Amino acid sequence: MKAKKSIKKPAAKKNKSRKKNNDQMEIYPPVNQAAIKELVERVHEYSVAHEIANAVTHGIGGALSIAGLTLLVTMAVLFGDTWRVVSSVIYGSTLVILYLASTLYHALHHEKAKFIFKNIDHASIFLLIAGTYTPFTLVSLRENSKWGWTLFIVIWALALVGVIQKAIFPRNMKNLGVVVYILMGWLCLFVISDIRNAIGMQGILWLLAGGLSYTFGVIFYAWDNLPFNHAIWHLFVLAGSFFHFFAIWFYVIPMPK
């Protein structure tokens, strides 16, 4: 009798479990596979459209940066000196690297290649920040202040830290990268009076316009539920690059009269 009872108890529990599962299935409606497929297709199309917009906006930036590099170097060779030529090459090259890396990152679909160019894209931000500082440190501040070489060394050391972080720890230590971005961006405040004396208030206004463009663009970068927010962010980056380019073109590259 004990053996029979031991057999019946599991069977009773099994039946109860089946009944419970059937009750749960009645509560939750069946999944509509067609609706899921349609949703996935829409998300895919939406993402592809986003990436096309992202690639096109910075592809335009890449073409403009190549033209800008050519113009700056030509102007420095014709009307400047060695320091202006070297500064133009460094700044223009970092501008080209950033826009081409960003364009390839958004244009590629291969997962591994996309991951690689994503890290190159993020690392190139450090390079562009340091590259933008370079004409002001090696030309404007070097000629008019004692801080030119000091700021040049510090800014490129921070850029090197950022690039190494992206190369060795691409998925970790993200906060370190953000801290380095902030440090590099605001470092100019320590020598802002020297920069103003070197390039004048009008030059400062061009720099300020570029900084504000990048700053306001971050709002759209973080606005995830806004359609094409990243492409809008790219437009603000283009505007920031435009203002900084002309700050260098008008107030750094020309030789003092």
Protein backbone atom coordinates (compact mmCIF):
# COMPACT_ATOMS: atom_id res chain seq x y z
CA MET A 1 0.00 0.00 0.00
CA LYS A 2 2.84 2.36 0.81
CA ALA A 3 4.31 1.78 -2.66
CA LYS A 4 1.01 2.68 -4.34
CA LYS A 5 0.69 5.87 -2.32
CA SER A 6 4.22 6.93 -3.24
CA ILE A 7 3.35 6.53 -6.93
CA LYS A 8 0.03 8.39 -6.78
CA LYS A 9 1.37 11.47 -5.02
CA PRO A 10 3.74 12.57 -7.80
CA ALA A 11 1.01 11.97 -10.37
CA ALA A 12 -1.35 14.20 -8.45
CA LYS A 13 1.28 16.91 -8.23
CA LYS A 14 1.97 16.57 -11.97
CA ASN A 15 -1.71 16.99 -12.83
CA LYS A 16 -1.96 20.00 -10.56
CA SER A 17 1.11 21.54 -12.22
CA ARG A 18 -0.38 20.98 -15.70
CA LYS A 19 -3.62 22.61 -14.62
CA LYS A 20 -1.71 25.59 -13.26
CA ASN A 21 0.20 25.98 -16.53
CA ASN A 22 -3.04 25.77 -18.54
CA ASP A 23 -4.57 28.45 -16.34
CA GLN A 24 -1.57 30.70 -16.92
CA MET A 25 -1.79 30.16 -20.69
CA GLU A 26 -5.45 31.23 -20.58
CA ILE A 27 -4.49 34.44 -18.73
CA TYR A 28 -1.80 35.51 -21.23
CA PRO A 29 -2.95 35.88 -24.86
CA PRO A 30 -1.02 34.08 -27.60
CA VAL A 31 1.91 35.98 -29.12
CA ASN A 32 1.23 37.51 -32.52
CA GLN A 33 4.27 36.43 -34.55
CA ALA A 34 3.33 38.66 -37.48
CA ALA A 35 3.21 41.72 -35.22
CA ILE A 36 6.62 40.90 -33.77
CA LYS A 37 8.09 40.45 -37.25
CA GLU A 38 6.65 43.79 -38.37
CA LEU A 39 8.05 45.52 -35.28
CA VAL A 40 11.53 44.05 -35.85
CA GLU A 41 11.46 45.16 -39.50
CA ARG A 42 10.43 48.69 -38.52
CA VAL A 43 13.18 48.93 -35.89
CA HIS A 44 15.70 47.65 -38.45
CA GLU A 45 14.60 50.19 -41.07
CA TYR A 46 14.64 52.94 -38.44
CA SER A 47 18.19 52.02 -37.37
CA VAL A 48 19.41 51.81 -40.97
CA ALA A 49 17.93 55.23 -41.72
CA HIS A 50 19.65 56.63 -38.63
CA GLU A 51 23.01 55.20 -39.61
CA ILE A 52 22.68 56.51 -43.17
CA ALA A 53 22.01 60.00 -41.79
CA ASN A 54 24.92 59.67 -39.35
CA ALA A 55 27.31 58.51 -42.08
CA VAL A 56 26.22 61.20 -44.55
CA THR A 57 26.51 64.10 -42.08
CA HIS A 58 30.04 63.18 -41.03
CA GLY A 59 30.93 62.09 -44.56
CA ILE A 60 30.31 65.70 -45.55
CA GLY A 61 32.47 66.69 -42.59
CA GLY A 62 35.22 64.39 -43.85
CA ALA A 63 35.22 66.02 -47.28
CA LEU A 64 35.23 69.51 -45.77
CA SER A 65 38.03 68.60 -43.35
CA ILE A 66 40.25 67.40 -46.22
CA ALA A 67 39.60 70.70 -48.00
CA GLY A 68 40.27 72.59 -44.77
CA LEU A 69 43.56 70.76 -44.18
CA THR A 70 44.68 71.62 -47.72
CA LEU A 71 43.73 75.29 -47.39
CA LEU A 72 45.33 75.75 -43.97
CA VAL A 73 48.62 74.14 -44.94
CA THR A 74 48.73 76.10 -48.21
CA MET A 75 48.08 79.38 -46.40
CA ALA A 76 50.70 78.57 -43.75
CA VAL A 77 53.30 77.71 -46.39
CA LEU A 78 52.63 80.88 -48.41
CA PHE A 79 52.15 83.40 -45.61
CA GLY A 80 53.36 81.78 -42.41
CA ASP A 81 56.37 80.05 -40.90
CA THR A 82 57.39 76.52 -39.88
CA TRP A 83 55.39 76.63 -36.64
CA ARG A 84 52.23 77.55 -38.52
CA VAL A 85 52.78 74.83 -41.11
CA VAL A 86 53.36 72.15 -38.46
CA SER A 87 50.35 73.31 -36.42
CA SER A 88 48.13 73.31 -39.51
CA VAL A 89 49.19 69.78 -40.44
CA ILE A 90 48.53 68.47 -36.91
CA TYR A 91 45.16 70.19 -36.51
CA GLY A 92 43.93 69.39 -40.01
CA SER A 93 45.01 65.75 -39.76
CA THR A 94 43.13 65.20 -36.48
CA LEU A 95 40.07 66.80 -38.06
CA VAL A 96 40.24 64.41 -41.02
CA ILE A 97 40.83 61.38 -38.76
CA LEU A 98 37.79 62.14 -36.61
CA TYR A 99 35.34 62.64 -39.47
CA LEU A 100 36.55 59.67 -41.51
CA ALA A 101 36.53 57.36 -38.46
CA SER A 102 33.01 58.48 -37.56
CA THR A 103 31.80 58.03 -41.15
CA LEU A 104 33.21 54.50 -41.38
CA TYR A 105 31.82 53.58 -37.97
CA HIS A 106 28.30 54.53 -38.98
CA ALA A 107 28.57 53.22 -42.56
CA LEU A 108 29.86 49.72 -41.78
CA HIS A 109 27.49 46.88 -40.90
CA HIS A 110 29.98 44.13 -40.01
CA GLU A 111 29.76 43.77 -36.23
CA LYS A 112 33.49 43.41 -35.50
CA ALA A 113 34.52 46.15 -37.93
CA LYS A 114 31.85 48.45 -36.50
CA PHE A 115 33.16 47.84 -32.97
CA ILE A 116 36.74 48.62 -34.03
CA PHE A 117 35.81 51.86 -35.78
CA LYS A 118 33.55 52.86 -32.89
CA ASN A 119 36.59 52.81 -30.61
CA ILE A 120 38.70 54.63 -33.21
CA ASP A 121 35.93 57.21 -33.51
CA HIS A 122 35.81 57.78 -29.75
CA ALA A 123 39.62 57.83 -29.46
CA SER A 124 39.85 60.38 -32.27
CA ILE A 125 37.83 62.83 -30.15
CA PHE A 126 40.84 63.07 -27.83
CA LEU A 127 43.08 63.64 -30.84
CA LEU A 128 40.87 66.40 -32.26
CA ILE A 129 40.68 68.24 -28.93
CA ALA A 130 44.48 68.16 -28.65
CA GLY A 131 44.81 68.97 -32.35
CA THR A 132 42.58 72.03 -31.97
CA TYR A 133 44.71 73.26 -29.07
CA THR A 134 47.92 72.81 -31.08
CA PRO A 135 47.85 75.98 -33.26
CA PHE A 136 47.00 78.09 -30.22
CA THR A 137 49.76 76.55 -28.09
CA LEU A 138 52.56 76.29 -30.66
CA VAL A 139 51.81 79.62 -32.34
CA SER A 140 49.65 82.06 -30.35
CA LEU A 141 50.74 81.19 -26.80
CA ARG A 142 54.33 80.32 -27.69
CA GLU A 143 54.77 83.76 -29.25
CA ASN A 144 52.90 85.73 -26.58
CA SER A 145 53.01 83.73 -23.35
CA LYS A 146 55.15 81.37 -21.29
CA TRP A 147 52.38 78.73 -21.27
CA GLY A 148 52.55 77.57 -24.89
CA TRP A 149 54.77 74.50 -24.50
CA THR A 150 53.37 73.64 -21.06
CA LEU A 151 49.79 73.51 -22.28
CA PHE A 152 50.84 71.67 -25.45
CA ILE A 153 52.54 68.90 -23.42
CA VAL A 154 49.70 68.60 -20.89
CA ILE A 155 46.94 68.47 -23.52
CA TRP A 156 48.68 65.82 -25.61
CA ALA A 157 49.48 63.77 -22.48
CA LEU A 158 45.77 63.75 -21.62
CA ALA A 159 44.94 62.80 -25.22
CA LEU A 160 47.40 59.90 -24.98
CA VAL A 161 45.73 58.69 -21.77
CA GLY A 162 42.34 58.81 -23.50
CA VAL A 163 43.53 56.94 -26.59
CA ILE A 164 45.20 54.23 -24.47
CA GLN A 165 42.01 53.83 -22.44
CA LYS A 166 39.97 53.33 -25.61
CA ALA A 167 42.54 50.91 -27.06
CA ILE A 168 43.11 48.72 -23.98
CA PHE A 169 39.83 49.06 -22.08
CA PRO A 170 37.21 49.85 -24.74
CA ARG A 171 34.34 48.42 -22.66
CA ASN A 172 35.60 49.48 -19.23
CA MET A 173 36.69 52.67 -17.51
CA LYS A 174 34.23 54.74 -19.54
CA ASN A 175 34.05 57.32 -16.75
CA LEU A 176 37.79 57.91 -17.10
CA GLY A 177 37.29 58.85 -20.74
CA VAL A 178 34.53 61.31 -19.83
CA VAL A 179 36.74 62.89 -17.15
CA VAL A 180 39.58 63.31 -19.66
CA TYR A 181 37.20 64.90 -22.22
CA ILE A 182 36.08 67.43 -19.60
CA LEU A 183 39.61 68.17 -18.38
CA MET A 184 40.86 68.74 -21.91
CA GLY A 185 37.93 70.93 -22.87
CA TRP A 186 38.13 73.24 -19.86
CA LEU A 187 41.92 73.40 -19.54
CA CYS A 188 42.02 76.55 -21.67
CA LEU A 189 40.34 78.52 -18.86
CA PHE A 190 43.62 78.56 -16.96
CA VAL A 191 45.25 80.58 -19.75
CA ILE A 192 42.22 82.33 -21.21
CA SER A 193 43.66 85.80 -20.55
CA ASP A 194 46.86 84.86 -22.39
CA ILE A 195 44.84 83.49 -25.32
CA ARG A 196 42.78 86.69 -25.42
CA ASN A 197 45.94 88.80 -25.48
CA ALA A 198 47.29 86.65 -28.32
CA ILE A 199 44.26 86.44 -30.63
CA GLY A 200 42.03 89.27 -29.41
CA MET A 201 38.42 89.27 -28.28
CA GLN A 202 37.11 88.48 -31.76
CA GLY A 203 39.20 85.31 -31.83
CA ILE A 204 37.85 84.38 -28.40
CA LEU A 205 34.29 84.80 -29.71
CA TRP A 206 34.98 82.33 -32.54
CA LEU A 207 36.36 79.86 -29.98
CA LEU A 208 33.36 80.43 -27.71
CA ALA A 209 30.93 79.85 -30.58
CA GLY A 210 32.61 76.53 -31.31
CA GLY A 211 32.53 75.48 -27.67
CA LEU A 212 28.85 76.37 -27.36
CA SER A 213 28.05 74.40 -30.51
CA TYR A 214 29.62 71.27 -29.04
CA THR A 215 27.94 71.90 -25.67
CA PHE A 216 24.41 72.41 -27.01
CA GLY A 217 24.90 69.45 -29.33
CA VAL A 218 25.36 67.17 -26.33
CA ILE A 219 21.69 67.79 -25.46
CA PHE A 220 20.63 66.09 -28.70
CA TYR A 221 23.29 63.39 -28.29
CA ALA A 222 21.65 62.39 -24.99
CA TRP A 223 18.06 62.78 -26.31
CA ASP A 224 17.65 59.10 -27.20
CA ASN A 225 13.94 59.10 -28.01
CA LEU A 226 14.27 61.97 -30.50
CA PRO A 227 14.33 60.69 -34.11
CA PHE A 228 17.73 61.23 -35.74
CA ASN A 229 19.13 62.72 -32.54
CA HIS A 230 22.65 61.48 -33.35
CA ALA A 231 22.59 63.05 -36.82
CA ILE A 232 21.49 66.34 -35.23
CA TRP A 233 24.40 66.01 -32.82
CA HIS A 234 26.67 65.56 -35.84
CA LEU A 235 25.41 68.87 -37.26
CA PHE A 236 26.39 70.65 -34.04
CA VAL A 237 29.82 68.99 -34.21
CA LEU A 238 30.18 70.29 -37.77
CA ALA A 239 29.25 73.78 -36.58
CA GLY A 240 31.80 73.58 -33.75
CA SER A 241 34.50 72.49 -36.18
CA PHE A 242 33.52 75.33 -38.54
CA PHE A 243 33.91 78.00 -35.84
CA HIS A 244 37.22 76.62 -34.54
CA PHE A 245 38.60 76.27 -38.06
CA PHE A 246 37.96 79.93 -38.82
CA ALA A 247 39.33 81.00 -35.42
CA ILE A 248 42.60 79.38 -36.52
CA TRP A 249 42.30 80.64 -40.11
CA PHE A 250 41.75 84.30 -39.17
CA TYR A 251 43.61 84.70 -35.88
CA VAL A 252 46.43 82.12 -35.71
CA ILE A 253 47.82 81.33 -39.15
CA PRO A 254 48.33 84.91 -40.44
CA MET A 255 51.73 86.32 -39.45
CA PRO A 256 51.66 89.33 -37.06
CA LYS A 257 51.87 92.66 -38.86
